[in-house]
Amino acid sequence: MKKHILLTGKPGVGKTTIIKKVVPLLGSDAGGFYTEEIGIMDRRMGFRIVTLDGKDGILAHVDCNSNYKVGKYRVNLDSFENIAIPTLESAMKDKKIIVIDEIGKMELFSTKFRELVNNILNSGKLLLCVIKENGDVFAESIKMRDDVIILTVNYENRDSLPEKVLDVLKKR
């Protein structure tokens, strides 16, 4: 049975927006995190991780001191792991639906995160996540699983997808 929903698509098409529209409708059933852009005067400077239980921190920033780099951004692995890992572990215990935005290059620098994603996929929980369109071996192996539904977000369908995602989750 397909139980995990993977949102994929081009950058900036609205994947995180869909997550942010669906999450409030899930109420206390969901735990996890989403990301937000950090901008200064219309310039994207980095990304913030925001948990569904109210914590936040820096995922990546142009001014971060880190050896982990994606484009012009340096990934703050400590901040990510100190916020994302406990939040996902807690959600595994207490929530029905796990939200991850996203399983992408920045997040996949974390071995702990990879292990936790595998644990979530193999648990009885439902996963709602954003996953990079052209992934590495890890991301592609997730997309190949029999228990996932892949929804490709584009400009034509992004406004109707929150309702579709909600319908799929309610049927589980």
N, C-alpha and C. Protein backbone atom coordinates (compact mmCIF):
# COMPACT_ATOMS: atom_id res chain seq x y z
N MET A 1 0.84 -1.19 0.00
CA MET A 1 0.00 0.00 0.00
C MET A 1 0.88 1.25 0.00
N LYS A 2 0.53 2.20 -0.82
CA LYS A 2 1.29 3.44 -0.90
C LYS A 2 0.88 4.34 0.26
N LYS A 3 1.87 4.74 1.04
CA LYS A 3 1.53 5.55 2.21
C LYS A 3 2.35 6.83 2.33
N HIS A 4 3.47 6.92 1.63
CA HIS A 4 4.32 8.09 1.73
C HIS A 4 4.10 8.99 0.51
N ILE A 5 4.03 10.30 0.75
CA ILE A 5 3.83 11.25 -0.33
C ILE A 5 5.11 12.05 -0.51
N LEU A 6 5.67 11.97 -1.73
CA LEU A 6 6.88 12.70 -2.06
C LEU A 6 6.52 13.80 -3.05
N LEU A 7 6.79 15.04 -2.67
CA LEU A 7 6.59 16.17 -3.57
C LEU A 7 7.93 16.49 -4.23
N THR A 8 7.93 16.59 -5.54
CA THR A 8 9.15 16.92 -6.25
C THR A 8 8.82 17.95 -7.32
N GLY A 9 9.84 18.54 -7.90
CA GLY A 9 9.62 19.55 -8.94
C GLY A 9 10.78 20.53 -8.96
N LYS A 10 10.71 21.42 -9.91
CA LYS A 10 11.77 22.41 -10.09
C LYS A 10 11.86 23.35 -8.88
N PRO A 11 13.04 23.94 -8.65
CA PRO A 11 13.17 24.91 -7.56
C PRO A 11 12.22 26.09 -7.76
N GLY A 12 11.60 26.53 -6.67
CA GLY A 12 10.74 27.72 -6.71
C GLY A 12 9.35 27.50 -7.24
N VAL A 13 8.97 26.23 -7.49
CA VAL A 13 7.67 25.96 -8.10
C VAL A 13 6.53 25.95 -7.07
N GLY A 14 6.87 25.79 -5.78
CA GLY A 14 5.82 25.84 -4.76
C GLY A 14 5.71 24.60 -3.87
N LYS A 15 6.73 23.79 -3.81
CA LYS A 15 6.68 22.56 -3.00
C LYS A 15 6.52 22.88 -1.51
N THR A 16 7.34 23.79 -1.02
CA THR A 16 7.26 24.16 0.40
C THR A 16 5.94 24.87 0.69
N THR A 17 5.45 25.65 -0.24
CA THR A 17 4.16 26.32 -0.06
C THR A 17 3.05 25.30 0.14
N ILE A 18 3.09 24.21 -0.60
CA ILE A 18 2.10 23.14 -0.44
C ILE A 18 2.19 22.56 0.98
N ILE A 19 3.42 22.27 1.42
CA ILE A 19 3.63 21.75 2.78
C ILE A 19 3.03 22.73 3.80
N LYS A 20 3.32 24.01 3.63
CA LYS A 20 2.86 25.02 4.60
C LYS A 20 1.34 25.19 4.57
N LYS A 21 0.70 24.88 3.46
CA LYS A 21 -0.76 24.94 3.39
C LYS A 21 -1.41 23.71 4.03
N VAL A 22 -0.76 22.56 3.88
CA VAL A 22 -1.32 21.29 4.39
C VAL A 22 -1.11 21.14 5.90
N VAL A 23 0.06 21.53 6.40
CA VAL A 23 0.41 21.29 7.80
C VAL A 23 -0.64 21.79 8.80
N PRO A 24 -1.15 23.03 8.68
CA PRO A 24 -2.15 23.47 9.67
C PRO A 24 -3.42 22.62 9.66
N LEU A 25 -3.72 22.02 8.53
CA LEU A 25 -4.92 21.19 8.42
C LEU A 25 -4.72 19.81 9.03
N LEU A 26 -3.49 19.42 9.28
CA LEU A 26 -3.19 18.13 9.89
C LEU A 26 -3.26 18.20 11.41
N GLY A 27 -3.18 19.40 11.95
CA GLY A 27 -3.29 19.59 13.40
C GLY A 27 -2.21 18.86 14.16
N SER A 28 -2.61 18.26 15.26
CA SER A 28 -1.64 17.61 16.17
C SER A 28 -1.19 16.24 15.67
N ASP A 29 -1.69 15.81 14.51
CA ASP A 29 -1.26 14.51 13.94
C ASP A 29 0.13 14.57 13.31
N ALA A 30 0.63 15.78 13.04
CA ALA A 30 1.88 15.91 12.27
C ALA A 30 3.01 16.50 13.10
N GLY A 31 4.21 16.04 12.80
CA GLY A 31 5.43 16.59 13.39
C GLY A 31 6.52 16.58 12.33
N GLY A 32 7.49 17.44 12.51
CA GLY A 32 8.59 17.50 11.55
C GLY A 32 9.02 18.93 11.32
N PHE A 33 9.45 19.24 10.09
CA PHE A 33 9.96 20.58 9.81
C PHE A 33 9.76 20.97 8.36
N TYR A 34 9.83 22.28 8.14
CA TYR A 34 9.89 22.82 6.78
C TYR A 34 10.99 23.88 6.77
N THR A 35 11.31 24.36 5.58
CA THR A 35 12.36 25.36 5.46
C THR A 35 11.79 26.66 4.91
N GLU A 36 12.45 27.75 5.26
CA GLU A 36 12.08 29.07 4.76
C GLU A 36 13.33 29.77 4.26
N GLU A 37 13.16 30.59 3.27
CA GLU A 37 14.28 31.38 2.78
C GLU A 37 14.60 32.50 3.76
N ILE A 38 15.87 32.80 3.89
CA ILE A 38 16.32 33.97 4.64
C ILE A 38 16.73 35.00 3.59
N GLY A 39 16.08 36.14 3.60
CA GLY A 39 16.36 37.14 2.58
C GLY A 39 16.66 38.49 3.18
N ILE A 40 17.48 39.24 2.49
CA ILE A 40 17.76 40.62 2.86
C ILE A 40 17.61 41.44 1.59
N MET A 41 16.65 42.37 1.63
CA MET A 41 16.39 43.25 0.48
C MET A 41 16.32 42.47 -0.84
N ASP A 42 15.42 41.51 -0.89
CA ASP A 42 15.16 40.70 -2.09
C ASP A 42 16.32 39.81 -2.52
N ARG A 43 17.32 39.64 -1.67
CA ARG A 43 18.41 38.71 -1.98
C ARG A 43 18.33 37.52 -1.03
N ARG A 44 18.31 36.32 -1.61
CA ARG A 44 18.29 35.12 -0.77
C ARG A 44 19.69 34.92 -0.19
N MET A 45 19.74 34.87 1.13
CA MET A 45 21.02 34.73 1.84
C MET A 45 21.20 33.34 2.44
N GLY A 46 20.09 32.62 2.57
CA GLY A 46 20.20 31.29 3.18
C GLY A 46 18.83 30.68 3.42
N PHE A 47 18.84 29.67 4.29
CA PHE A 47 17.61 28.93 4.59
C PHE A 47 17.53 28.66 6.09
N ARG A 48 16.33 28.79 6.62
CA ARG A 48 16.05 28.52 8.02
C ARG A 48 15.22 27.24 8.10
N ILE A 49 15.50 26.44 9.11
CA ILE A 49 14.67 25.27 9.37
C ILE A 49 13.68 25.66 10.47
N VAL A 50 12.40 25.33 10.26
CA VAL A 50 11.34 25.65 11.22
C VAL A 50 10.60 24.36 11.54
N THR A 51 10.56 24.02 12.84
CA THR A 51 9.87 22.79 13.23
C THR A 51 8.39 23.07 13.47
N LEU A 52 7.58 22.03 13.37
CA LEU A 52 6.15 22.19 13.59
C LEU A 52 5.83 22.42 15.06
N ASP A 53 6.82 22.17 15.94
CA ASP A 53 6.60 22.44 17.36
C ASP A 53 7.28 23.73 17.82
N GLY A 54 7.63 24.60 16.85
CA GLY A 54 8.00 25.96 17.21
C GLY A 54 9.48 26.29 17.36
N LYS A 55 10.36 25.40 17.00
CA LYS A 55 11.79 25.73 17.07
C LYS A 55 12.28 26.15 15.68
N ASP A 56 13.39 26.89 15.65
CA ASP A 56 13.97 27.20 14.35
C ASP A 56 15.47 27.41 14.48
N GLY A 57 16.15 27.36 13.35
CA GLY A 57 17.59 27.55 13.31
C GLY A 57 18.05 27.70 11.87
N ILE A 58 19.32 27.94 11.71
CA ILE A 58 19.89 28.15 10.38
C ILE A 58 20.26 26.81 9.75
N LEU A 59 19.72 26.54 8.58
CA LEU A 59 20.11 25.35 7.81
C LEU A 59 21.36 25.68 6.98
N ALA A 60 21.32 26.81 6.29
CA ALA A 60 22.45 27.21 5.45
C ALA A 60 22.42 28.72 5.27
N HIS A 61 23.60 29.29 5.07
CA HIS A 61 23.70 30.74 4.90
C HIS A 61 24.99 31.05 4.13
N VAL A 62 24.97 32.13 3.41
CA VAL A 62 26.17 32.52 2.66
C VAL A 62 27.33 32.87 3.60
N ASP A 63 27.02 33.33 4.81
CA ASP A 63 28.05 33.73 5.77
C ASP A 63 28.38 32.67 6.81
N CYS A 64 27.83 31.49 6.68
CA CYS A 64 28.08 30.42 7.64
C CYS A 64 29.51 29.89 7.47
N ASN A 65 30.14 29.54 8.57
CA ASN A 65 31.48 28.96 8.52
C ASN A 65 31.33 27.43 8.53
N SER A 66 31.42 26.82 7.36
CA SER A 66 31.20 25.38 7.25
C SER A 66 31.95 24.83 6.05
N ASN A 67 32.34 23.57 6.15
CA ASN A 67 32.98 22.89 5.01
C ASN A 67 31.94 22.32 4.05
N TYR A 68 30.68 22.27 4.47
CA TYR A 68 29.61 21.71 3.64
C TYR A 68 28.99 22.82 2.82
N LYS A 69 29.06 22.69 1.50
CA LYS A 69 28.64 23.78 0.63
C LYS A 69 27.70 23.27 -0.47
N VAL A 70 26.65 24.03 -0.72
CA VAL A 70 25.76 23.80 -1.86
C VAL A 70 25.58 25.15 -2.54
N GLY A 71 26.14 25.27 -3.75
CA GLY A 71 26.12 26.56 -4.44
C GLY A 71 26.86 27.59 -3.61
N LYS A 72 26.23 28.74 -3.39
CA LYS A 72 26.88 29.79 -2.59
C LYS A 72 26.61 29.65 -1.10
N TYR A 73 25.81 28.65 -0.73
CA TYR A 73 25.41 28.49 0.66
C TYR A 73 26.29 27.48 1.38
N ARG A 74 26.60 27.79 2.63
CA ARG A 74 27.33 26.87 3.49
C ARG A 74 26.34 26.29 4.49
N VAL A 75 26.33 24.98 4.60
CA VAL A 75 25.35 24.27 5.42
C VAL A 75 25.81 24.23 6.87
N ASN A 76 24.93 24.65 7.78
CA ASN A 76 25.20 24.60 9.21
C ASN A 76 24.71 23.25 9.73
N LEU A 77 25.56 22.24 9.58
CA LEU A 77 25.18 20.87 9.91
C LEU A 77 24.82 20.71 11.39
N ASP A 78 25.58 21.36 12.28
CA ASP A 78 25.28 21.26 13.71
C ASP A 78 23.89 21.80 14.02
N SER A 79 23.58 22.97 13.52
CA SER A 79 22.26 23.57 13.75
C SER A 79 21.17 22.66 13.20
N PHE A 80 21.37 22.17 11.98
CA PHE A 80 20.38 21.28 11.37
C PHE A 80 20.16 20.04 12.22
N GLU A 81 21.25 19.37 12.61
CA GLU A 81 21.11 18.14 13.39
C GLU A 81 20.55 18.39 14.79
N ASN A 82 20.89 19.52 15.39
CA ASN A 82 20.38 19.82 16.73
C ASN A 82 18.90 20.16 16.75
N ILE A 83 18.37 20.55 15.61
CA ILE A 83 16.95 20.89 15.52
C ILE A 83 16.15 19.78 14.84
N ALA A 84 16.60 19.35 13.67
CA ALA A 84 15.83 18.38 12.88
C ALA A 84 15.78 17.00 13.53
N ILE A 85 16.91 16.50 13.99
CA ILE A 85 16.96 15.12 14.50
C ILE A 85 16.04 14.93 15.71
N PRO A 86 16.15 15.76 16.78
CA PRO A 86 15.24 15.57 17.92
C PRO A 86 13.77 15.74 17.54
N THR A 87 13.50 16.69 16.63
CA THR A 87 12.12 16.91 16.20
C THR A 87 11.56 15.69 15.49
N LEU A 88 12.36 15.10 14.60
CA LEU A 88 11.89 13.92 13.87
C LEU A 88 11.79 12.71 14.80
N GLU A 89 12.73 12.57 15.73
CA GLU A 89 12.66 11.45 16.69
C GLU A 89 11.41 11.57 17.55
N SER A 90 11.11 12.77 17.99
CA SER A 90 9.91 13.00 18.79
C SER A 90 8.65 12.71 17.97
N ALA A 91 8.63 13.16 16.72
CA ALA A 91 7.48 12.91 15.86
C ALA A 91 7.29 11.41 15.61
N MET A 92 8.39 10.67 15.53
CA MET A 92 8.29 9.21 15.34
C MET A 92 7.55 8.57 16.51
N LYS A 93 7.75 9.10 17.71
CA LYS A 93 7.10 8.54 18.90
C LYS A 93 5.63 8.95 19.00
N ASP A 94 5.36 10.24 18.72
CA ASP A 94 4.08 10.82 19.11
C ASP A 94 3.12 11.18 17.97
N LYS A 95 3.58 11.16 16.74
CA LYS A 95 2.75 11.67 15.64
C LYS A 95 2.44 10.58 14.62
N LYS A 96 1.38 10.80 13.88
CA LYS A 96 0.98 9.86 12.83
C LYS A 96 1.65 10.19 11.50
N ILE A 97 1.88 11.50 11.27
CA ILE A 97 2.42 11.97 10.00
C ILE A 97 3.72 12.73 10.26
N ILE A 98 4.76 12.36 9.51
CA ILE A 98 6.06 13.02 9.62
C ILE A 98 6.24 13.91 8.40
N VAL A 99 6.57 15.18 8.63
CA VAL A 99 6.75 16.16 7.56
C VAL A 99 8.23 16.50 7.46
N ILE A 100 8.79 16.36 6.26
CA ILE A 100 10.19 16.71 6.01
C ILE A 100 10.28 17.56 4.75
N ASP A 101 10.78 18.78 4.92
CA ASP A 101 11.02 19.67 3.79
C ASP A 101 12.47 20.13 3.89
N GLU A 102 13.36 19.51 3.35
CA GLU A 102 13.25 18.52 2.31
C GLU A 102 14.33 17.47 2.45
N ILE A 103 14.25 16.45 1.61
CA ILE A 103 15.33 15.47 1.48
C ILE A 103 16.12 15.94 0.26
N GLY A 104 17.09 16.82 0.54
CA GLY A 104 17.86 17.46 -0.52
C GLY A 104 19.34 17.48 -0.20
N LYS A 105 20.10 18.11 -1.06
CA LYS A 105 21.57 18.13 -0.92
C LYS A 105 22.03 18.60 0.45
N MET A 106 21.44 19.69 0.93
CA MET A 106 21.90 20.27 2.20
C MET A 106 21.66 19.31 3.36
N GLU A 107 20.47 18.76 3.42
CA GLU A 107 20.09 17.88 4.51
C GLU A 107 20.85 16.55 4.46
N LEU A 108 21.16 16.10 3.25
CA LEU A 108 21.79 14.78 3.10
C LEU A 108 23.27 14.75 3.47
N PHE A 109 23.84 15.90 3.84
CA PHE A 109 25.19 15.88 4.41
C PHE A 109 25.17 15.15 5.76
N SER A 110 24.00 15.08 6.39
CA SER A 110 23.87 14.46 7.71
C SER A 110 23.60 12.97 7.60
N THR A 111 24.54 12.18 8.09
CA THR A 111 24.36 10.71 8.14
C THR A 111 23.21 10.36 9.08
N LYS A 112 23.10 11.08 10.20
CA LYS A 112 22.01 10.82 11.16
C LYS A 112 20.66 11.04 10.49
N PHE A 113 20.57 12.09 9.67
CA PHE A 113 19.32 12.40 8.97
C PHE A 113 18.97 11.27 8.00
N ARG A 114 19.94 10.80 7.25
CA ARG A 114 19.70 9.68 6.32
C ARG A 114 19.16 8.46 7.06
N GLU A 115 19.79 8.12 8.19
CA GLU A 115 19.35 6.96 8.97
C GLU A 115 17.92 7.15 9.46
N LEU A 116 17.62 8.35 9.94
CA LEU A 116 16.28 8.64 10.45
C LEU A 116 15.23 8.59 9.35
N VAL A 117 15.57 9.09 8.17
CA VAL A 117 14.63 9.01 7.03
C VAL A 117 14.33 7.54 6.72
N ASN A 118 15.35 6.70 6.71
CA ASN A 118 15.11 5.26 6.48
C ASN A 118 14.22 4.67 7.56
N ASN A 119 14.46 5.04 8.81
CA ASN A 119 13.63 4.54 9.92
C ASN A 119 12.17 4.97 9.75
N ILE A 120 11.97 6.22 9.35
CA ILE A 120 10.61 6.72 9.15
C ILE A 120 9.93 5.96 8.01
N LEU A 121 10.64 5.79 6.90
CA LEU A 121 10.06 5.08 5.75
C LEU A 121 9.68 3.65 6.09
N ASN A 122 10.43 3.03 6.98
CA ASN A 122 10.18 1.63 7.33
C ASN A 122 9.29 1.46 8.56
N SER A 123 8.82 2.58 9.10
CA SER A 123 7.95 2.53 10.28
C SER A 123 6.49 2.48 9.82
N GLY A 124 5.60 2.51 10.74
CA GLY A 124 4.17 2.55 10.41
C GLY A 124 3.66 3.96 10.19
N LYS A 125 4.56 4.93 10.23
CA LYS A 125 4.17 6.34 10.09
C LYS A 125 4.00 6.72 8.62
N LEU A 126 3.27 7.81 8.40
CA LEU A 126 3.12 8.36 7.06
C LEU A 126 4.15 9.47 6.89
N LEU A 127 4.77 9.53 5.74
CA LEU A 127 5.75 10.58 5.45
C LEU A 127 5.20 11.50 4.37
N LEU A 128 5.22 12.79 4.66
CA LEU A 128 4.93 13.81 3.66
C LEU A 128 6.22 14.60 3.52
N CYS A 129 6.84 14.55 2.34
CA CYS A 129 8.13 15.22 2.21
C CYS A 129 8.31 15.84 0.84
N VAL A 130 9.27 16.76 0.81
CA VAL A 130 9.78 17.30 -0.45
C VAL A 130 11.08 16.56 -0.70
N ILE A 131 11.26 16.11 -1.93
CA ILE A 131 12.50 15.40 -2.29
C ILE A 131 13.03 16.00 -3.58
N LYS A 132 14.35 16.13 -3.65
CA LYS A 132 14.93 16.78 -4.82
C LYS A 132 14.61 16.00 -6.09
N GLU A 133 14.41 16.76 -7.17
CA GLU A 133 13.97 16.16 -8.44
C GLU A 133 15.04 15.24 -9.03
N ASN A 134 16.26 15.73 -9.10
CA ASN A 134 17.36 14.91 -9.61
C ASN A 134 18.24 14.56 -8.44
N GLY A 135 17.98 13.39 -7.88
CA GLY A 135 18.62 13.05 -6.63
C GLY A 135 19.88 12.25 -6.77
N ASP A 136 20.53 12.08 -5.64
CA ASP A 136 21.66 11.18 -5.55
C ASP A 136 21.12 9.76 -5.38
N VAL A 137 21.97 8.82 -5.13
CA VAL A 137 21.56 7.42 -4.99
C VAL A 137 20.55 7.26 -3.86
N PHE A 138 20.77 7.94 -2.74
CA PHE A 138 19.87 7.83 -1.59
C PHE A 138 18.46 8.31 -1.94
N ALA A 139 18.37 9.52 -2.50
CA ALA A 139 17.06 10.08 -2.85
C ALA A 139 16.37 9.23 -3.92
N GLU A 140 17.12 8.79 -4.90
CA GLU A 140 16.53 7.97 -5.96
C GLU A 140 16.02 6.64 -5.42
N SER A 141 16.71 6.07 -4.43
CA SER A 141 16.25 4.79 -3.85
C SER A 141 14.92 4.99 -3.12
N ILE A 142 14.70 6.15 -2.55
CA ILE A 142 13.42 6.43 -1.90
C ILE A 142 12.32 6.49 -2.95
N LYS A 143 12.60 7.15 -4.06
CA LYS A 143 11.59 7.29 -5.12
C LYS A 143 11.22 5.96 -5.74
N MET A 144 12.11 4.97 -5.66
CA MET A 144 11.87 3.66 -6.28
C MET A 144 11.03 2.73 -5.39
N ARG A 145 10.79 3.13 -4.16
CA ARG A 145 10.06 2.26 -3.22
C ARG A 145 8.62 2.03 -3.70
N ASP A 146 8.09 0.88 -3.35
CA ASP A 146 6.71 0.54 -3.72
C ASP A 146 5.67 1.30 -2.91
N ASP A 147 6.07 1.84 -1.75
CA ASP A 147 5.09 2.46 -0.85
C ASP A 147 5.06 3.98 -0.92
N VAL A 148 5.53 4.55 -2.05
CA VAL A 148 5.51 6.00 -2.20
C VAL A 148 4.64 6.44 -3.37
N ILE A 149 4.08 7.62 -3.21
CA ILE A 149 3.37 8.31 -4.29
C ILE A 149 4.20 9.55 -4.59
N ILE A 150 4.61 9.71 -5.84
CA ILE A 150 5.39 10.88 -6.23
C ILE A 150 4.48 11.86 -6.95
N LEU A 151 4.39 13.06 -6.40
CA LEU A 151 3.61 14.12 -7.03
C LEU A 151 4.58 15.20 -7.51
N THR A 152 4.62 15.41 -8.81
CA THR A 152 5.49 16.43 -9.39
C THR A 152 4.73 17.75 -9.41
N VAL A 153 5.25 18.72 -8.69
CA VAL A 153 4.62 20.03 -8.58
C VAL A 153 5.04 20.89 -9.77
N ASN A 154 4.05 21.54 -10.38
CA ASN A 154 4.33 22.49 -11.45
C ASN A 154 3.38 23.67 -11.32
N TYR A 155 3.56 24.67 -12.16
CA TYR A 155 2.74 25.88 -12.05
C TYR A 155 1.27 25.61 -12.32
N GLU A 156 0.97 24.57 -13.09
CA GLU A 156 -0.43 24.26 -13.43
C GLU A 156 -1.15 23.56 -12.29
N ASN A 157 -0.46 22.71 -11.52
CA ASN A 157 -1.18 21.90 -10.53
C ASN A 157 -0.95 22.33 -9.08
N ARG A 158 -0.06 23.28 -8.85
CA ARG A 158 0.33 23.57 -7.47
C ARG A 158 -0.81 24.10 -6.60
N ASP A 159 -1.79 24.78 -7.18
CA ASP A 159 -2.89 25.30 -6.38
C ASP A 159 -3.87 24.21 -5.96
N SER A 160 -3.97 23.14 -6.74
CA SER A 160 -4.90 22.05 -6.41
C SER A 160 -4.23 20.93 -5.59
N LEU A 161 -2.92 20.92 -5.54
CA LEU A 161 -2.22 19.83 -4.85
C LEU A 161 -2.42 19.77 -3.33
N PRO A 162 -2.52 20.89 -2.61
CA PRO A 162 -2.74 20.75 -1.17
C PRO A 162 -3.97 19.90 -0.84
N GLU A 163 -5.05 20.11 -1.58
CA GLU A 163 -6.27 19.34 -1.37
C GLU A 163 -6.05 17.87 -1.70
N LYS A 164 -5.33 17.60 -2.78
CA LYS A 164 -5.04 16.21 -3.17
C LYS A 164 -4.19 15.52 -2.11
N VAL A 165 -3.17 16.22 -1.61
CA VAL A 165 -2.30 15.65 -0.57
C VAL A 165 -3.12 15.33 0.68
N LEU A 166 -3.99 16.25 1.06
CA LEU A 166 -4.84 16.04 2.23
C LEU A 166 -5.75 14.82 2.04
N ASP A 167 -6.33 14.69 0.86
CA ASP A 167 -7.19 13.54 0.55
C ASP A 167 -6.43 12.23 0.68
N VAL A 168 -5.22 12.19 0.13
CA VAL A 168 -4.40 10.97 0.19
C VAL A 168 -4.07 10.64 1.65
N LEU A 169 -3.69 11.64 2.43
CA LEU A 169 -3.33 11.39 3.84
C LEU A 169 -4.52 10.91 4.65
N LYS A 170 -5.71 11.45 4.37
CA LYS A 170 -6.91 11.06 5.11
C LYS A 170 -7.31 9.62 4.82
N LYS A 171 -6.94 9.10 3.65
CA LYS A 171 -7.30 7.73 3.28
C LYS A 171 -6.36 6.70 3.90
N ARG A 172 -5.32 7.14 4.56
CA ARG A 172 -4.34 6.21 5.13
C ARG A 172 -4.72 5.83 6.53
